[in-house]
Amino acid sequence: MLKDLLLRIIKPGLFLNDEQYRQFLSLVNSGKITKETNPTKHCCVFFIPFNSQTKEIFIVDHKKARQWIVPGGHIEAGESLEDALRREAKEELGISMAKIPKPFLFTVMDVYSEGQSCKVHYDVWYLIPNTRGLNVDFTEFNTARWVNKQKAKELITHEVYLRGIERIVGF
């Protein structure tokens, strides 16, 4: 069950601050974790393709969000974290994942998307190393690209995303 898994893997050191840790625990303990059970506040998975040789990450210009972000999406009812990560990676970038890495970060982020029911995302972040041959879903994104740290900081404007990419070791 998603709730039990999240409670097992959530650790204070994987959050940007203690308040986000408390907020995440509160949501998980409520049992209303997915968009279907909680349209305004729910969990998502983010995944960041990372090329350790070039020290670049892959980011997307998201149509609905109207900003540069890391790829990812909502966890659907009945999905595990791994199922959601596999589905989102396949749908958005054509990535098939046999092995699932451990999450490296959890964040709580206010969402500012006009016309969307989402108000707060409780995000589980994954780093996907050395990804090649991406097949970008341009129905969801305006464009996408590999960027170094400096360029990522120029394009990404949301503070939580910026703080999240700072947590990538070797970037």
Foldseek 3Di string as FASTA:
>chain_A
DQLVVCVVQQDQVQEPHPVFSVVLNVCSVVVQAFCVSPVAEHEKEFEWEAELVVQWTKWFCFDQQNAIFTFITTDDPPDHPVRRVQVRQCVAWNDHDPDFDAFRHWYKDAGDGPPGNYGIYTYTYYYHYPDDDTDGDCVGGVDMDIDHLVVCVVGGDDPVRNVVVVSDPSD
